[in-house]
């Protein structure tokens, strides 16, 4: 036995059976597999292949699309391997016969009220085993929200993948940090972990740096004196830059000492 060196360990990715465990879908696959084998019609082969597809590749079809694609003179059965949905923008529904995997309640009611027919795919196999006098329709596969972000690059006009307020956490300036922390609403972001308020000398030094840099200090209004990680991270950049300036001027130690003495020694 030879070895295929060009396509070694490369498997076929096309489906031969549906991934779903729906027994009704498996019965339809069994039916159309028999029709595709015993008839020479390509219609049954196309229907069988579409029954294998995922739900993303079987997008819904609205009754407005069915009305636009069908001719009033031709009385052909519309076949949709997917879901037929309603469209309230369509005022009048034409009389048409539709066969699909499923129908929404309003779409079924409007088609029947217009004098049309609602068929299942097994009923279609009894009526047209070779697909004669039928027309296959598909929905828009690339109209999903996720497709708008695919293939991002220069001059592609794709929608950016954004989260929150579109501002990077690492590129927030000092004035922006002060404005956010001093404002009435501080965005916590994705940090949900709470840390206890710093105790002892570290807490005093942080309070000094926060107050001298323009912040209101640690948020003591919360239960247990807790503060969020987001609060500390937003204040960190401004505190570090201002503390560096104080160290260069040989003033930070004197200010910290004065405040520590005022905090430790009662008046």
Protein backbone atom coordinates (compact mmCIF):
# COMPACT_ATOMS: atom_id res chain seq x y z
CA UNK A 1 0.00 0.00 0.00
CA UNK A 2 1.39 3.39 -0.98
CA UNK A 3 1.52 6.60 1.03
CA UNK A 4 0.14 9.86 -0.30
CA UNK A 5 3.08 12.15 0.43
CA UNK A 6 1.46 15.28 -0.98
CA UNK A 7 -1.67 15.04 1.15
CA UNK A 8 -0.32 13.12 4.11
CA UNK A 9 -2.42 13.59 7.28
CA UNK A 10 -4.79 15.91 5.38
CA UNK A 11 -8.38 14.94 5.95
CA UNK A 12 -11.41 15.81 3.89
CA UNK A 13 -13.31 18.64 5.55
CA UNK A 14 -16.60 18.32 3.71
CA UNK A 15 -19.42 16.79 5.69
CA UNK A 16 -20.87 13.41 4.90
CA UNK A 17 -23.42 13.41 7.72
CA UNK A 18 -25.00 16.23 9.74
CA UNK A 19 -23.45 17.13 13.09
CA UNK A 20 -26.87 17.49 14.68
CA UNK A 21 -28.46 14.65 16.62
CA UNK A 22 -31.96 15.66 15.54
CA UNK A 23 -33.74 12.45 14.58
CA UNK A 24 -36.09 14.22 12.16
CA UNK A 25 -33.14 15.73 10.33
CA UNK A 26 -31.52 12.31 10.14
CA UNK A 27 -34.69 10.86 8.63
CA UNK A 28 -34.67 13.58 5.96
CA UNK A 29 -31.01 12.80 5.24
CA UNK A 30 -31.87 9.13 4.85
CA UNK A 31 -34.72 10.00 2.48
CA UNK A 32 -32.76 12.39 0.25
CA UNK A 33 -29.68 10.15 0.28
CA UNK A 34 -31.88 7.46 -1.27
CA UNK A 35 -33.34 9.93 -3.81
CA UNK A 36 -29.90 11.28 -4.72
CA UNK A 37 -28.65 7.73 -5.34
CA UNK A 38 -31.64 6.39 -7.26
CA UNK A 39 -32.51 9.44 -9.37
CA UNK A 40 -30.39 11.35 -11.84
CA UNK A 41 -31.61 14.72 -10.61
CA UNK A 42 -29.03 17.14 -9.22
CA UNK A 43 -31.76 18.76 -7.10
CA UNK A 44 -31.72 15.93 -4.57
CA UNK A 45 -27.92 16.06 -4.33
CA UNK A 46 -28.03 19.79 -3.60
CA UNK A 47 -30.73 19.32 -0.95
CA UNK A 48 -28.74 16.49 0.65
CA UNK A 49 -25.59 18.59 0.81
CA UNK A 50 -27.47 21.52 2.35
CA UNK A 51 -28.98 19.24 4.98
CA UNK A 52 -25.42 18.50 6.14
CA UNK A 53 -24.59 22.17 6.61
CA UNK A 54 -24.35 24.01 9.91
CA UNK A 55 -26.91 26.58 10.98
CA UNK A 56 -24.55 29.41 10.05
CA UNK A 57 -24.49 28.12 6.49
CA UNK A 58 -28.27 27.69 6.50
CA UNK A 59 -29.37 31.32 7.07
CA UNK A 60 -33.08 32.14 7.35
CA UNK A 61 -35.09 33.40 4.39
CA UNK A 62 -37.78 36.03 4.86
CA UNK A 63 -41.09 35.98 3.06
CA UNK A 64 -40.18 39.31 1.44
CA UNK A 65 -37.21 37.63 -0.25
CA UNK A 66 -39.47 34.81 -1.38
CA UNK A 67 -41.97 37.32 -2.78
CA UNK A 68 -39.21 39.18 -4.64
CA UNK A 69 -37.65 36.04 -6.15
CA UNK A 70 -40.83 34.33 -7.30
CA UNK A 71 -42.69 35.11 -10.50
CA UNK A 72 -46.45 35.57 -10.31
CA UNK A 73 -47.06 33.74 -13.56
CA UNK A 74 -44.91 30.74 -12.71
CA UNK A 75 -46.46 28.49 -10.07
CA UNK A 76 -43.31 26.84 -8.85
CA UNK A 77 -42.71 25.53 -5.35
CA UNK A 78 -40.14 27.50 -3.38
CA UNK A 79 -37.70 25.24 -1.50
CA UNK A 80 -35.70 26.60 1.45
CA UNK A 81 -33.29 24.33 3.34
CA UNK A 82 -33.56 26.43 6.48
CA UNK A 83 -36.05 28.65 8.30
CA UNK A 84 -38.67 30.87 6.70
CA UNK A 85 -39.24 34.03 8.75
CA UNK A 86 -41.77 36.83 8.68
CA UNK A 87 -41.12 40.38 7.46
CA UNK A 88 -43.54 43.01 8.73
CA UNK A 89 -42.36 45.45 6.04
CA UNK A 90 -44.11 43.29 3.46
CA UNK A 91 -47.75 44.39 3.44
CA UNK A 92 -49.22 41.80 1.08
CA UNK A 93 -47.98 38.22 0.87
CA UNK A 94 -48.43 36.52 -2.52
CA UNK A 95 -50.02 33.13 -2.93
CA UNK A 96 -47.09 30.74 -3.04
CA UNK A 97 -46.17 27.18 -2.10
CA UNK A 98 -43.14 26.99 0.19
CA UNK A 99 -41.28 23.91 1.43
CA UNK A 100 -38.74 24.41 4.22
CA UNK A 101 -37.19 22.80 7.27
CA UNK A 102 -39.22 25.01 9.60
CA UNK A 103 -41.42 28.12 9.61
CA UNK A 104 -41.92 30.77 12.23
CA UNK A 105 -45.48 31.05 13.54
CA UNK A 106 -46.19 34.42 11.90
CA UNK A 107 -44.65 33.39 8.58
CA UNK A 108 -46.74 30.21 8.49
CA UNK A 109 -49.92 32.11 9.36
CA UNK A 110 -49.37 34.80 6.71
CA UNK A 111 -48.59 32.28 3.95
CA UNK A 112 -51.69 30.23 4.78
CA UNK A 113 -53.86 33.36 5.06
CA UNK A 114 -52.79 34.38 1.55
CA UNK A 115 -53.98 31.03 0.19
CA UNK A 116 -50.51 29.51 -0.13
CA UNK A 117 -49.13 26.16 0.95
CA UNK A 118 -46.69 25.27 3.72
CA UNK A 119 -44.90 22.00 3.01
CA UNK A 120 -42.30 19.93 4.78
CA UNK A 121 -39.37 18.40 2.90
CA UNK A 122 -40.79 14.87 3.10
CA UNK A 123 -44.06 16.14 1.57
CA UNK A 124 -41.97 17.79 -1.15
CA UNK A 125 -40.26 14.45 -1.85
CA UNK A 126 -43.67 12.84 -2.46
CA UNK A 127 -44.82 15.70 -4.70
CA UNK A 128 -41.60 16.27 -6.66
CA UNK A 129 -39.13 13.40 -6.16
CA UNK A 130 -36.84 14.78 -8.86
CA UNK A 131 -37.26 18.46 -7.95
CA UNK A 132 -39.31 19.34 -10.99
CA UNK A 133 -41.17 22.66 -10.98
CA UNK A 134 -39.26 23.90 -7.92
CA UNK A 135 -36.87 26.75 -7.19
CA UNK A 136 -34.19 26.65 -4.49
CA UNK A 137 -33.59 29.79 -2.44
CA UNK A 138 -30.91 30.66 0.09
CA UNK A 139 -30.63 33.45 2.63
CA UNK A 140 -27.81 36.00 3.00
CA UNK A 141 -24.95 34.12 4.64
CA UNK A 142 -22.77 37.18 5.29
CA UNK A 143 -25.35 39.37 7.01
CA UNK A 144 -24.43 38.24 10.52
CA UNK A 145 -22.92 40.70 12.97
CA UNK A 146 -19.75 38.61 13.30
CA UNK A 147 -19.03 38.75 9.55
CA UNK A 148 -18.74 42.55 9.72
CA UNK A 149 -15.47 42.13 11.67
CA UNK A 150 -13.84 39.45 9.46
CA UNK A 151 -10.83 40.28 7.30
CA UNK A 152 -9.81 43.43 9.14
CA UNK A 153 -7.02 45.36 7.47
CA UNK A 154 -6.16 48.61 5.69
CA UNK A 155 -8.82 49.92 3.29
CA UNK A 156 -11.19 47.07 4.15
CA UNK A 157 -13.90 49.20 5.79
CA UNK A 158 -14.52 46.56 8.42
CA UNK A 159 -16.00 47.18 11.86
CA UNK A 160 -13.43 47.26 14.64
CA UNK A 161 -13.54 44.80 17.51
CA UNK A 162 -14.11 47.20 20.39
CA UNK A 163 -14.83 46.66 24.06
CA UNK A 164 -16.09 49.23 26.53
CA UNK A 165 -15.36 52.88 25.80
CA UNK A 166 -12.72 52.27 23.06
CA UNK A 167 -9.90 53.65 25.25
CA UNK A 168 -6.82 51.57 25.95
CA UNK A 169 -6.05 51.17 29.62
CA UNK A 170 -2.30 51.52 29.12
CA UNK A 171 -2.48 54.78 27.16
CA UNK A 172 -4.56 56.92 29.52
CA UNK A 173 -2.92 60.26 30.21
CA UNK A 174 -2.48 61.75 33.68
CA UNK A 175 -5.18 64.38 33.24
CA UNK A 176 -7.58 61.79 31.85
CA UNK A 177 -6.88 59.53 34.84
CA UNK A 178 -7.48 62.37 37.31
CA UNK A 179 -10.69 63.35 35.55
CA UNK A 180 -12.01 59.78 35.58
CA UNK A 181 -11.17 59.07 39.20
CA UNK A 182 -12.46 62.40 40.49
CA UNK A 183 -15.67 62.14 38.46
CA UNK A 184 -18.95 60.85 39.74
CA UNK A 185 -18.75 57.66 37.69
CA UNK A 186 -15.57 55.58 37.60
CA UNK A 187 -15.59 52.71 35.13
CA UNK A 188 -14.48 49.56 36.91
CA UNK A 189 -13.70 47.66 33.73
CA UNK A 190 -13.23 43.92 33.97
CA UNK A 191 -11.43 43.95 37.32
CA UNK A 192 -13.85 42.52 39.86
CA UNK A 193 -11.27 41.51 42.42
CA UNK A 194 -11.40 43.61 45.56
CA UNK A 195 -8.39 44.27 47.76
CA UNK A 196 -8.32 45.44 51.31
CA UNK A 197 -7.24 48.97 52.01
CA UNK A 198 -3.51 49.23 52.59
CA UNK A 199 -2.64 49.21 56.27
CA UNK A 200 0.28 50.85 58.09
CA UNK A 201 2.96 52.92 56.42
CA UNK A 202 2.24 51.75 52.86
CA UNK A 203 -1.31 52.99 53.12
CA UNK A 204 -0.16 56.35 54.45
CA UNK A 205 2.36 56.80 51.64
CA UNK A 206 -0.30 55.95 49.05
CA UNK A 207 -2.69 58.43 50.62
CA UNK A 208 0.01 61.13 50.53
CA UNK A 209 0.83 60.46 46.88
CA UNK A 210 -2.82 60.36 45.88
CA UNK A 211 -3.70 63.57 47.70
CA UNK A 212 -0.66 65.51 46.50
CA UNK A 213 -1.30 64.42 42.92
CA UNK A 214 -4.84 65.78 42.95
CA UNK A 215 -6.84 62.67 43.83
CA UNK A 216 -9.42 62.64 46.59
CA UNK A 217 -7.66 59.79 48.38
CA UNK A 218 -8.73 56.23 48.94
CA UNK A 219 -12.41 55.46 48.66
CA UNK A 220 -13.38 54.85 52.28
CA UNK A 221 -17.10 55.00 51.62
CA UNK A 222 -17.17 51.36 50.60
CA UNK A 223 -17.97 48.61 53.05
CA UNK A 224 -14.90 47.48 54.96
CA UNK A 225 -12.74 50.22 53.49
CA UNK A 226 -12.26 48.28 50.23
CA UNK A 227 -11.00 49.74 47.00
CA UNK A 228 -11.04 48.22 43.53
CA UNK A 229 -8.08 47.15 41.47
CA UNK A 230 -9.30 49.40 38.67
CA UNK A 231 -9.13 52.41 41.01
CA UNK A 232 -5.50 51.63 41.88
CA UNK A 233 -4.43 50.98 38.30
CA UNK A 234 -5.95 54.20 37.01
CA UNK A 235 -4.29 56.18 39.75
CA UNK A 236 -0.97 54.42 39.32
CA UNK A 237 0.28 56.19 36.20
CA UNK A 238 -0.42 59.66 37.54
CA UNK A 239 1.03 58.84 40.95
CA UNK A 240 4.23 57.41 39.51
CA UNK A 241 4.89 60.37 37.24
CA UNK A 242 4.27 62.91 40.00
CA UNK A 243 6.29 60.94 42.54
CA UNK A 244 9.22 60.85 40.12
CA UNK A 245 9.11 64.63 39.83
CA UNK A 246 9.06 64.96 43.61
CA UNK A 247 12.06 62.67 43.96
CA UNK A 248 14.02 64.72 41.46
CA UNK A 249 13.38 67.88 43.46
CA UNK A 250 14.29 66.22 46.80
CA UNK A 251 10.91 67.19 48.24
CA UNK A 252 8.92 64.00 48.43
CA UNK A 253 10.58 62.71 51.59
CA UNK A 254 9.90 65.92 53.46
CA UNK A 255 6.22 66.01 52.44
CA UNK A 256 5.72 62.36 53.31
CA UNK A 257 7.35 62.88 56.69
CA UNK A 258 5.16 65.85 57.55
CA UNK A 259 1.95 64.03 56.64
CA UNK A 260 3.01 60.85 58.44
CA UNK A 261 3.70 62.82 61.61
CA UNK A 262 0.33 64.55 61.32
CA UNK A 263 -1.36 61.19 60.87
CA UNK A 264 0.44 59.40 63.70
CA UNK A 265 0.54 62.16 66.30
CA UNK A 266 -2.96 63.16 67.45
CA UNK A 267 -3.63 66.92 67.61
